[in-house]
Amino acid sequence: MRILLAVLSAVVLLVYPFAVYFGIDRYGLSVVALLIIVALIVRLFTFRENQLKELKYVIQVSAITGIVLAGFGLLFRQYGWLTFYPVIVNLCMLAIFANSLRQPQTIVERLARLQEPALPESGVKYTRKVTIVWCFFFIFNGSIALYTCYQPLEVWTLYNGLISYILAGCLFVTEWITRQLIRKD
């Protein structure tokens, strides 16, 4: 049951922008905000213990912040509060990735070592560069997400529910392809 709840809450959060856009129009702000609060509470209490404490931190901080934003939306009867959630997630991810640059192992290196424990020095240098690229991505993506908070809800939904996922996916695929090419050399 716990796994099912975790998966359902993750799906709700994945489609968050569409839930806000279509839900508010169809069911009203109160229903959508309460659904988001419930999904975030479930996410907070059902996420799997991860080997990376930073990911646990992102889940906790973004869930609590999302609950607060949805609560403000309910309290002030304004859906605009809900639009700041993607900004918070980007800020959390930026904080985790940027902070890991000050550590002996970046978060990307730690993720890489899950698959390749004996990562060579060239791999360590590469993962540091990839961490920096992701930091720039989170700055860029978070800035656009913030900009869209002040645009019509359709623009916010399009960017945060589709375009930002496509951009992240493109970066992920580009990095994977680059890594495969570098490994061949």
N, C-alpha and C. Protein backbone atom coordinates (compact mmCIF):
# COMPACT_ATOMS: atom_id res chain seq x y z
N MET A 1 0.83 -1.20 0.00
CA MET A 1 0.00 0.00 0.00
C MET A 1 0.87 1.26 0.00
N ARG A 2 1.95 1.21 0.78
CA ARG A 2 2.84 2.37 0.88
C ARG A 2 3.45 2.70 -0.48
N ILE A 3 3.85 1.67 -1.22
CA ILE A 3 4.44 1.89 -2.54
C ILE A 3 3.41 2.50 -3.49
N LEU A 4 2.19 1.99 -3.44
CA LEU A 4 1.12 2.53 -4.30
C LEU A 4 0.86 4.00 -3.99
N LEU A 5 0.81 4.34 -2.72
CA LEU A 5 0.61 5.74 -2.33
C LEU A 5 1.77 6.61 -2.79
N ALA A 6 2.98 6.10 -2.66
CA ALA A 6 4.17 6.85 -3.09
C ALA A 6 4.13 7.09 -4.60
N VAL A 7 3.77 6.07 -5.36
CA VAL A 7 3.69 6.21 -6.82
C VAL A 7 2.58 7.20 -7.19
N LEU A 8 1.42 7.09 -6.58
CA LEU A 8 0.32 8.01 -6.89
C LEU A 8 0.69 9.45 -6.56
N SER A 9 1.32 9.67 -5.42
CA SER A 9 1.71 11.04 -5.06
C SER A 9 2.76 11.57 -6.03
N ALA A 10 3.68 10.70 -6.47
CA ALA A 10 4.71 11.13 -7.43
C ALA A 10 4.07 11.50 -8.76
N VAL A 11 3.07 10.74 -9.19
CA VAL A 11 2.37 11.03 -10.45
C VAL A 11 1.64 12.36 -10.34
N VAL A 12 0.97 12.58 -9.22
CA VAL A 12 0.25 13.85 -9.03
C VAL A 12 1.23 15.02 -9.12
N LEU A 13 2.39 14.87 -8.51
CA LEU A 13 3.37 15.96 -8.53
C LEU A 13 4.00 16.12 -9.91
N LEU A 14 4.12 15.04 -10.65
CA LEU A 14 4.66 15.12 -12.00
C LEU A 14 3.72 15.91 -12.92
N VAL A 15 2.45 15.73 -12.73
CA VAL A 15 1.47 16.44 -13.55
C VAL A 15 0.93 17.69 -12.83
N TYR A 16 1.65 18.13 -11.83
CA TYR A 16 1.26 19.28 -11.01
C TYR A 16 0.75 20.47 -11.83
N PRO A 17 1.51 20.94 -12.84
CA PRO A 17 1.02 22.11 -13.58
C PRO A 17 -0.33 21.87 -14.27
N PHE A 18 -0.52 20.68 -14.82
CA PHE A 18 -1.79 20.37 -15.48
C PHE A 18 -2.91 20.22 -14.45
N ALA A 19 -2.57 19.66 -13.28
CA ALA A 19 -3.57 19.55 -12.22
C ALA A 19 -4.04 20.93 -11.78
N VAL A 20 -3.09 21.86 -11.67
CA VAL A 20 -3.45 23.23 -11.29
C VAL A 20 -4.30 23.87 -12.39
N TYR A 21 -3.83 23.79 -13.61
CA TYR A 21 -4.52 24.45 -14.73
C TYR A 21 -5.93 23.91 -14.95
N PHE A 22 -6.05 22.61 -15.13
CA PHE A 22 -7.36 22.04 -15.42
C PHE A 22 -8.21 21.89 -14.17
N GLY A 23 -7.56 21.63 -13.04
CA GLY A 23 -8.30 21.42 -11.80
C GLY A 23 -8.99 22.67 -11.28
N ILE A 24 -8.29 23.79 -11.33
CA ILE A 24 -8.88 25.03 -10.82
C ILE A 24 -10.10 25.41 -11.64
N ASP A 25 -9.99 25.28 -12.94
CA ASP A 25 -11.11 25.61 -13.82
C ASP A 25 -12.30 24.68 -13.59
N ARG A 26 -12.02 23.42 -13.41
CA ARG A 26 -13.09 22.41 -13.32
C ARG A 26 -13.61 22.22 -11.89
N TYR A 27 -12.70 22.18 -10.90
CA TYR A 27 -13.11 21.84 -9.54
C TYR A 27 -12.95 22.96 -8.53
N GLY A 28 -12.25 24.00 -8.90
CA GLY A 28 -12.05 25.12 -8.00
C GLY A 28 -10.74 25.03 -7.24
N LEU A 29 -10.28 26.16 -6.77
CA LEU A 29 -9.01 26.27 -6.07
C LEU A 29 -8.98 25.42 -4.81
N SER A 30 -10.04 25.41 -4.05
CA SER A 30 -10.05 24.68 -2.78
C SER A 30 -9.78 23.19 -2.97
N VAL A 31 -10.45 22.59 -3.93
CA VAL A 31 -10.28 21.15 -4.18
C VAL A 31 -8.86 20.86 -4.65
N VAL A 32 -8.36 21.67 -5.58
CA VAL A 32 -7.01 21.46 -6.12
C VAL A 32 -5.97 21.65 -5.02
N ALA A 33 -6.07 22.71 -4.25
CA ALA A 33 -5.10 22.97 -3.19
C ALA A 33 -5.12 21.84 -2.15
N LEU A 34 -6.30 21.37 -1.80
CA LEU A 34 -6.38 20.27 -0.83
C LEU A 34 -5.78 18.99 -1.41
N LEU A 35 -6.04 18.72 -2.69
CA LEU A 35 -5.46 17.54 -3.35
C LEU A 35 -3.93 17.63 -3.35
N ILE A 36 -3.42 18.81 -3.65
CA ILE A 36 -1.96 19.01 -3.66
C ILE A 36 -1.39 18.81 -2.26
N ILE A 37 -2.05 19.36 -1.27
CA ILE A 37 -1.58 19.20 0.12
C ILE A 37 -1.55 17.73 0.50
N VAL A 38 -2.63 17.00 0.18
CA VAL A 38 -2.68 15.57 0.50
C VAL A 38 -1.56 14.82 -0.23
N ALA A 39 -1.37 15.12 -1.54
CA ALA A 39 -0.32 14.44 -2.32
C ALA A 39 1.06 14.72 -1.73
N LEU A 40 1.29 15.95 -1.30
CA LEU A 40 2.59 16.30 -0.73
C LEU A 40 2.80 15.67 0.65
N ILE A 41 1.75 15.59 1.43
CA ILE A 41 1.87 14.91 2.74
C ILE A 41 2.16 13.43 2.52
N VAL A 42 1.45 12.82 1.58
CA VAL A 42 1.71 11.41 1.27
C VAL A 42 3.14 11.24 0.79
N ARG A 43 3.59 12.14 -0.08
CA ARG A 43 4.96 12.07 -0.60
C ARG A 43 5.97 12.20 0.54
N LEU A 44 5.67 13.08 1.47
CA LEU A 44 6.57 13.32 2.59
C LEU A 44 6.74 12.07 3.46
N PHE A 45 5.67 11.31 3.61
CA PHE A 45 5.72 10.16 4.51
C PHE A 45 5.90 8.81 3.82
N THR A 46 5.92 8.79 2.49
CA THR A 46 6.05 7.50 1.81
C THR A 46 7.28 7.38 0.92
N PHE A 47 8.06 8.45 0.80
CA PHE A 47 9.23 8.32 -0.08
C PHE A 47 10.19 7.30 0.52
N ARG A 48 10.85 6.60 -0.38
CA ARG A 48 11.79 5.56 0.05
C ARG A 48 13.05 6.21 0.61
N GLU A 49 13.59 5.56 1.61
CA GLU A 49 14.87 6.03 2.11
C GLU A 49 15.88 5.88 0.98
N ASN A 50 16.53 6.95 0.65
CA ASN A 50 17.44 6.94 -0.48
C ASN A 50 18.88 6.91 0.03
N GLN A 51 19.76 6.39 -0.80
CA GLN A 51 21.16 6.37 -0.42
C GLN A 51 21.75 7.77 -0.39
N LEU A 52 21.12 8.70 -1.11
CA LEU A 52 21.63 10.06 -1.14
C LEU A 52 20.77 10.94 -0.24
N LYS A 53 21.35 11.40 0.84
CA LYS A 53 20.60 12.21 1.80
C LYS A 53 20.12 13.51 1.16
N GLU A 54 20.84 13.99 0.13
CA GLU A 54 20.43 15.22 -0.54
C GLU A 54 19.07 15.08 -1.21
N LEU A 55 18.80 13.92 -1.80
CA LEU A 55 17.50 13.72 -2.43
C LEU A 55 16.39 13.68 -1.40
N LYS A 56 16.68 13.13 -0.26
CA LYS A 56 15.72 13.13 0.86
C LYS A 56 15.41 14.57 1.26
N TYR A 57 16.46 15.39 1.31
CA TYR A 57 16.31 16.80 1.65
C TYR A 57 15.43 17.52 0.64
N VAL A 58 15.66 17.28 -0.66
CA VAL A 58 14.86 17.91 -1.71
C VAL A 58 13.39 17.54 -1.55
N ILE A 59 13.13 16.26 -1.31
CA ILE A 59 11.74 15.81 -1.15
C ILE A 59 11.11 16.48 0.06
N GLN A 60 11.82 16.53 1.17
CA GLN A 60 11.26 17.12 2.38
C GLN A 60 11.01 18.62 2.23
N VAL A 61 12.02 19.35 1.78
CA VAL A 61 11.89 20.80 1.67
C VAL A 61 10.83 21.18 0.63
N SER A 62 10.86 20.53 -0.53
CA SER A 62 9.89 20.88 -1.56
C SER A 62 8.48 20.50 -1.15
N ALA A 63 8.32 19.38 -0.43
CA ALA A 63 6.98 18.98 0.02
C ALA A 63 6.44 19.97 1.06
N ILE A 64 7.26 20.31 2.02
CA ILE A 64 6.82 21.25 3.06
C ILE A 64 6.51 22.61 2.45
N THR A 65 7.37 23.07 1.56
CA THR A 65 7.14 24.36 0.91
C THR A 65 5.88 24.31 0.06
N GLY A 66 5.69 23.21 -0.66
CA GLY A 66 4.47 23.06 -1.47
C GLY A 66 3.21 23.07 -0.63
N ILE A 67 3.28 22.43 0.54
CA ILE A 67 2.13 22.44 1.46
C ILE A 67 1.84 23.86 1.92
N VAL A 68 2.90 24.60 2.25
CA VAL A 68 2.72 25.99 2.68
C VAL A 68 2.14 26.84 1.55
N LEU A 69 2.66 26.69 0.33
CA LEU A 69 2.14 27.46 -0.81
C LEU A 69 0.67 27.14 -1.08
N ALA A 70 0.33 25.85 -1.07
CA ALA A 70 -1.07 25.46 -1.28
C ALA A 70 -1.93 25.99 -0.14
N GLY A 71 -1.39 25.97 1.07
CA GLY A 71 -2.13 26.51 2.21
C GLY A 71 -2.37 28.01 2.06
N PHE A 72 -1.36 28.75 1.60
CA PHE A 72 -1.55 30.17 1.34
C PHE A 72 -2.58 30.39 0.23
N GLY A 73 -2.55 29.53 -0.78
CA GLY A 73 -3.55 29.62 -1.85
C GLY A 73 -4.95 29.47 -1.31
N LEU A 74 -5.13 28.52 -0.40
CA LEU A 74 -6.43 28.33 0.25
C LEU A 74 -6.80 29.52 1.12
N LEU A 75 -5.85 29.94 1.94
CA LEU A 75 -6.08 31.02 2.90
C LEU A 75 -6.46 32.33 2.20
N PHE A 76 -5.68 32.68 1.17
CA PHE A 76 -5.90 33.95 0.49
C PHE A 76 -6.80 33.83 -0.75
N ARG A 77 -7.22 32.60 -1.05
CA ARG A 77 -8.09 32.32 -2.20
C ARG A 77 -7.50 32.84 -3.51
N GLN A 78 -6.19 32.57 -3.68
CA GLN A 78 -5.48 32.98 -4.89
C GLN A 78 -4.62 31.82 -5.38
N TYR A 79 -4.86 31.40 -6.62
CA TYR A 79 -4.12 30.27 -7.17
C TYR A 79 -2.65 30.61 -7.45
N GLY A 80 -2.32 31.90 -7.53
CA GLY A 80 -0.95 32.30 -7.83
C GLY A 80 0.08 31.69 -6.90
N TRP A 81 -0.29 31.44 -5.66
CA TRP A 81 0.64 30.81 -4.73
C TRP A 81 1.09 29.44 -5.23
N LEU A 82 0.19 28.73 -5.88
CA LEU A 82 0.51 27.38 -6.35
C LEU A 82 1.54 27.40 -7.48
N THR A 83 1.62 28.50 -8.20
CA THR A 83 2.52 28.56 -9.35
C THR A 83 4.00 28.65 -8.95
N PHE A 84 4.27 28.95 -7.70
CA PHE A 84 5.66 29.08 -7.27
C PHE A 84 6.32 27.74 -6.92
N TYR A 85 5.56 26.67 -6.91
CA TYR A 85 6.12 25.36 -6.55
C TYR A 85 7.28 24.94 -7.46
N PRO A 86 7.16 25.04 -8.79
CA PRO A 86 8.31 24.67 -9.63
C PRO A 86 9.56 25.52 -9.36
N VAL A 87 9.36 26.76 -8.98
CA VAL A 87 10.50 27.63 -8.64
C VAL A 87 11.22 27.07 -7.41
N ILE A 88 10.45 26.67 -6.42
CA ILE A 88 11.02 26.12 -5.19
C ILE A 88 11.79 24.83 -5.48
N VAL A 89 11.21 23.96 -6.31
CA VAL A 89 11.89 22.71 -6.64
C VAL A 89 13.22 22.99 -7.33
N ASN A 90 13.24 23.95 -8.26
CA ASN A 90 14.49 24.31 -8.94
C ASN A 90 15.50 24.89 -7.96
N LEU A 91 15.04 25.71 -7.04
CA LEU A 91 15.95 26.27 -6.03
C LEU A 91 16.53 25.17 -5.14
N CYS A 92 15.71 24.22 -4.75
CA CYS A 92 16.20 23.10 -3.93
C CYS A 92 17.25 22.30 -4.70
N MET A 93 16.97 21.99 -5.95
CA MET A 93 17.92 21.22 -6.76
C MET A 93 19.21 22.01 -6.97
N LEU A 94 19.09 23.30 -7.23
CA LEU A 94 20.28 24.14 -7.38
C LEU A 94 21.10 24.13 -6.10
N ALA A 95 20.45 24.28 -4.96
CA ALA A 95 21.17 24.28 -3.69
C ALA A 95 21.91 22.96 -3.47
N ILE A 96 21.28 21.86 -3.78
CA ILE A 96 21.90 20.55 -3.59
C ILE A 96 23.10 20.38 -4.52
N PHE A 97 22.90 20.68 -5.81
CA PHE A 97 23.99 20.49 -6.78
C PHE A 97 25.13 21.48 -6.51
N ALA A 98 24.81 22.74 -6.25
CA ALA A 98 25.86 23.74 -6.01
C ALA A 98 26.62 23.43 -4.72
N ASN A 99 25.91 23.05 -3.69
CA ASN A 99 26.57 22.71 -2.42
C ASN A 99 27.50 21.51 -2.59
N SER A 100 27.12 20.58 -3.45
CA SER A 100 27.96 19.39 -3.63
C SER A 100 29.28 19.73 -4.32
N LEU A 101 29.34 20.88 -5.00
CA LEU A 101 30.60 21.30 -5.61
C LEU A 101 31.67 21.63 -4.57
N ARG A 102 31.24 21.92 -3.35
CA ARG A 102 32.18 22.21 -2.27
C ARG A 102 32.59 20.95 -1.52
N GLN A 103 31.99 19.84 -1.87
CA GLN A 103 32.28 18.57 -1.21
C GLN A 103 33.36 17.80 -1.99
N PRO A 104 33.98 16.83 -1.36
CA PRO A 104 34.96 16.01 -2.09
C PRO A 104 34.33 15.28 -3.28
N GLN A 105 33.06 14.86 -3.13
CA GLN A 105 32.34 14.20 -4.22
C GLN A 105 31.08 15.00 -4.52
N THR A 106 30.91 15.35 -5.80
CA THR A 106 29.67 16.03 -6.19
C THR A 106 28.53 15.02 -6.18
N ILE A 107 27.32 15.53 -6.24
CA ILE A 107 26.17 14.64 -6.26
C ILE A 107 26.15 13.79 -7.52
N VAL A 108 26.59 14.34 -8.64
CA VAL A 108 26.65 13.57 -9.88
C VAL A 108 27.68 12.45 -9.75
N GLU A 109 28.80 12.74 -9.11
CA GLU A 109 29.81 11.69 -8.90
C GLU A 109 29.25 10.59 -8.01
N ARG A 110 28.55 10.97 -6.97
CA ARG A 110 27.96 9.97 -6.07
C ARG A 110 26.95 9.11 -6.80
N LEU A 111 26.15 9.73 -7.66
CA LEU A 111 25.21 8.95 -8.47
C LEU A 111 25.95 8.03 -9.43
N ALA A 112 27.02 8.53 -10.04
CA ALA A 112 27.81 7.72 -10.97
C ALA A 112 28.45 6.54 -10.25
N ARG A 113 28.89 6.76 -9.02
CA ARG A 113 29.54 5.68 -8.27
C ARG A 113 28.56 4.58 -7.86
N LEU A 114 27.28 4.86 -7.90
CA LEU A 114 26.31 3.79 -7.63
C LEU A 114 26.39 2.73 -8.72
N GLN A 115 26.70 3.14 -9.95
CA GLN A 115 26.83 2.20 -11.06
C GLN A 115 28.28 1.78 -11.30
N GLU A 116 29.21 2.67 -11.01
CA GLU A 116 30.63 2.40 -11.26
C GLU A 116 31.45 2.84 -10.04
N PRO A 117 31.52 1.97 -9.02
CA PRO A 117 32.19 2.34 -7.78
C PRO A 117 33.66 2.77 -7.96
N ALA A 118 34.35 2.17 -8.91
CA ALA A 118 35.76 2.51 -9.14
C ALA A 118 35.87 3.54 -10.26
N LEU A 119 35.23 4.67 -10.07
CA LEU A 119 35.22 5.72 -11.08
C LEU A 119 36.64 6.29 -11.24
N PRO A 120 37.16 6.32 -12.48
CA PRO A 120 38.52 6.85 -12.68
C PRO A 120 38.56 8.37 -12.46
N GLU A 121 39.75 8.90 -12.31
CA GLU A 121 39.93 10.34 -12.08
C GLU A 121 39.30 11.17 -13.21
N SER A 122 39.39 10.68 -14.45
CA SER A 122 38.77 11.40 -15.57
C SER A 122 37.25 11.45 -15.39
N GLY A 123 36.68 10.39 -14.83
CA GLY A 123 35.25 10.36 -14.56
C GLY A 123 34.86 11.34 -13.45
N VAL A 124 35.74 11.46 -12.47
CA VAL A 124 35.50 12.41 -11.37
C VAL A 124 35.47 13.83 -11.91
N LYS A 125 36.45 14.17 -12.76
CA LYS A 125 36.49 15.51 -13.36
C LYS A 125 35.26 15.75 -14.24
N TYR A 126 34.88 14.73 -14.98
CA TYR A 126 33.70 14.85 -15.85
C TYR A 126 32.44 15.08 -15.03
N THR A 127 32.27 14.33 -13.94
CA THR A 127 31.06 14.50 -13.12
C THR A 127 31.00 15.88 -12.48
N ARG A 128 32.16 16.45 -12.16
CA ARG A 128 32.17 17.81 -11.62
C ARG A 128 31.66 18.80 -12.66
N LYS A 129 32.09 18.64 -13.91
CA LYS A 129 31.63 19.51 -14.99
C LYS A 129 30.13 19.34 -15.23
N VAL A 130 29.67 18.10 -15.16
CA VAL A 130 28.23 17.84 -15.35
C VAL A 130 27.43 18.49 -14.22
N THR A 131 27.95 18.45 -13.02
CA THR A 131 27.27 19.10 -11.88
C THR A 131 27.14 20.59 -12.13
N ILE A 132 28.18 21.22 -12.65
CA ILE A 132 28.14 22.65 -12.96
C ILE A 132 27.10 22.94 -14.05
N VAL A 133 27.06 22.09 -15.07
CA VAL A 133 26.06 22.26 -16.14
C VAL A 133 24.65 22.19 -15.55
N TRP A 134 24.41 21.21 -14.67
CA TRP A 134 23.08 21.11 -14.06
C TRP A 134 22.77 22.34 -13.19
N CYS A 135 23.77 22.90 -12.53
CA CYS A 135 23.54 24.13 -11.76
C CYS A 135 23.05 25.25 -12.67
N PHE A 136 23.72 25.41 -13.81
CA PHE A 136 23.27 26.42 -14.76
C PHE A 136 21.86 26.13 -15.27
N PHE A 137 21.57 24.85 -15.49
CA PHE A 137 20.22 24.49 -15.92
C PHE A 137 19.19 24.90 -14.87
N PHE A 138 19.45 24.60 -13.60
CA PHE A 138 18.48 24.94 -12.55
C PHE A 138 18.32 26.45 -12.40
N ILE A 139 19.38 27.21 -12.62
CA ILE A 139 19.27 28.67 -12.59
C ILE A 139 18.39 29.13 -13.75
N PHE A 140 18.68 28.65 -14.94
CA PHE A 140 17.91 29.00 -16.14
C PHE A 140 16.45 28.57 -15.98
N ASN A 141 16.24 27.31 -15.65
CA ASN A 141 14.89 26.76 -15.56
C ASN A 141 14.09 27.44 -14.44
N GLY A 142 14.73 27.64 -13.30
CA GLY A 142 14.06 28.30 -12.19
C GLY A 142 13.71 29.75 -12.50
N SER A 143 14.59 30.43 -13.25
CA SER A 143 14.32 31.82 -13.63
C SER A 143 13.11 31.91 -14.56
N ILE A 144 13.07 31.01 -15.52
CA ILE A 144 11.91 31.02 -16.44
C ILE A 144 10.65 30.60 -15.68
N ALA A 145 10.77 29.63 -14.78
CA ALA A 145 9.61 29.22 -13.98
C ALA A 145 9.10 30.41 -13.15
N LEU A 146 10.01 31.19 -12.59
CA LEU A 146 9.61 32.38 -11.84
C LEU A 146 8.93 33.40 -12.75
N TYR A 147 9.50 33.62 -13.92
CA TYR A 147 8.90 34.54 -14.89
C TYR A 147 7.48 34.12 -15.23
N THR A 148 7.28 32.81 -15.42
CA THR A 148 5.95 32.34 -15.82
C THR A 148 4.92 32.49 -14.70
N CYS A 149 5.37 32.64 -13.46
CA CYS A 149 4.44 32.85 -12.35
C CYS A 149 3.66 34.14 -12.52
N TYR A 150 4.20 35.07 -13.29
CA TYR A 150 3.56 36.37 -13.50
C TYR A 150 2.92 36.47 -14.88
N GLN A 151 2.81 35.34 -15.55
CA GLN A 151 2.19 35.28 -16.87
C GLN A 151 0.82 34.59 -16.73
N PRO A 152 0.04 34.59 -17.80
CA PRO A 152 -1.24 33.85 -17.74
C PRO A 152 -1.00 32.38 -17.38
N LEU A 153 -1.97 31.77 -16.76
CA LEU A 153 -1.84 30.40 -16.29
C LEU A 153 -1.54 29.43 -17.44
N GLU A 154 -1.99 29.73 -18.63
CA GLU A 154 -1.71 28.87 -19.79
C GLU A 154 -0.21 28.84 -20.08
N VAL A 155 0.43 30.00 -20.00
CA VAL A 155 1.88 30.09 -20.25
C VAL A 155 2.63 29.34 -19.16
N TRP A 156 2.24 29.54 -17.92
CA TRP A 156 2.86 28.85 -16.79
C TRP A 156 2.73 27.34 -16.97
N THR A 157 1.55 26.88 -17.32
CA THR A 157 1.32 25.44 -17.49
C THR A 157 2.14 24.87 -18.63
N LEU A 158 2.17 25.56 -19.75
CA LEU A 158 2.93 25.09 -20.91
C LEU A 158 4.40 24.94 -20.57
N TYR A 159 4.97 25.96 -19.93
CA TYR A 159 6.40 25.88 -19.61
C TYR A 159 6.68 24.83 -18.53
N ASN A 160 5.99 24.94 -17.41
CA ASN A 160 6.30 24.09 -16.26
C ASN A 160 5.79 22.66 -16.40
N GLY A 161 4.79 22.47 -17.25
CA GLY A 161 4.24 21.13 -17.41
C GLY A 161 4.75 20.40 -18.63
N LEU A 162 5.42 21.10 -19.53
CA LEU A 162 5.89 20.45 -20.74
C LEU A 162 7.31 20.88 -21.11
N ILE A 163 7.48 22.16 -21.38
CA ILE A 163 8.77 22.63 -21.91
C ILE A 163 9.91 22.35 -20.94
N SER A 164 9.71 22.60 -19.64
CA SER A 164 10.81 22.37 -18.69
C SER A 164 11.18 20.89 -18.63
N TYR A 165 10.20 20.00 -18.75
CA TYR A 165 10.49 18.57 -18.76
C TYR A 165 11.25 18.18 -20.02
N ILE A 166 10.87 18.77 -21.14
CA ILE A 166 11.57 18.49 -22.39
C ILE A 166 13.02 18.98 -22.30
N LEU A 167 13.22 20.18 -21.77
CA LEU A 167 14.58 20.72 -21.62
C LEU A 167 15.43 19.84 -20.71
N ALA A 168 14.87 19.42 -19.58
CA ALA A 168 15.61 18.55 -18.65
C ALA A 168 15.93 17.21 -19.33
N GLY A 169 14.96 16.68 -20.05
CA GLY A 169 15.17 15.43 -20.77
C GLY A 169 16.25 15.56 -21.83
N CYS A 170 16.24 16.67 -22.56
CA CYS A 170 17.26 16.90 -23.58
C CYS A 170 18.65 17.00 -22.95
N LEU A 171 18.75 17.70 -21.83
CA LEU A 171 20.03 17.80 -21.14
C LEU A 171 20.49 16.43 -20.67
N PHE A 172 19.59 15.66 -20.11
CA PHE A 172 19.93 14.33 -19.62
C PHE A 172 20.41 13.44 -20.77
N VAL A 173 19.69 13.44 -21.88
CA VAL A 173 20.06 12.61 -23.04
C VAL A 173 21.38 13.09 -23.64
N THR A 174 21.55 14.40 -23.75
CA THR A 174 22.79 14.95 -24.29
C THR A 174 23.98 14.54 -23.42
N GLU A 175 23.80 14.62 -22.12
CA GLU A 175 24.89 14.22 -21.21
C GLU A 175 25.17 12.73 -21.36
N TRP A 176 24.15 11.91 -21.46
CA TRP A 176 24.34 10.46 -21.60
C TRP A 176 25.10 10.14 -22.89
N ILE A 177 24.71 10.78 -23.99
CA ILE A 177 25.39 10.56 -25.27
C ILE A 177 26.85 11.02 -25.18
N THR A 178 27.05 12.18 -24.60
CA THR A 178 28.41 12.71 -24.43
C THR A 178 29.26 11.74 -23.60
N ARG A 179 28.68 11.23 -22.53
CA ARG A 179 29.41 10.29 -21.68
C ARG A 179 29.80 9.03 -22.44
N GLN A 180 28.89 8.53 -23.28
CA GLN A 180 29.20 7.34 -24.08
C GLN A 180 30.33 7.62 -25.06
N LEU A 181 30.32 8.78 -25.67
CA LEU A 181 31.38 9.14 -26.61
C LEU A 181 32.73 9.30 -25.91
N ILE A 182 32.71 9.90 -24.74
CA ILE A 182 33.95 10.09 -23.98
C ILE A 182 34.50 8.75 -23.53
N ARG A 183 33.65 7.84 -23.14
CA ARG A 183 34.10 6.52 -22.69
C ARG A 183 34.78 5.73 -23.81
N LYS A 184 34.34 5.96 -25.04
CA LYS A 184 34.93 5.24 -26.18
C LYS A 184 36.37 5.68 -26.44
N ASP A 185 36.68 6.92 -26.06
CA ASP A 185 38.05 7.45 -26.32
C ASP A 185 39.06 6.90 -25.41
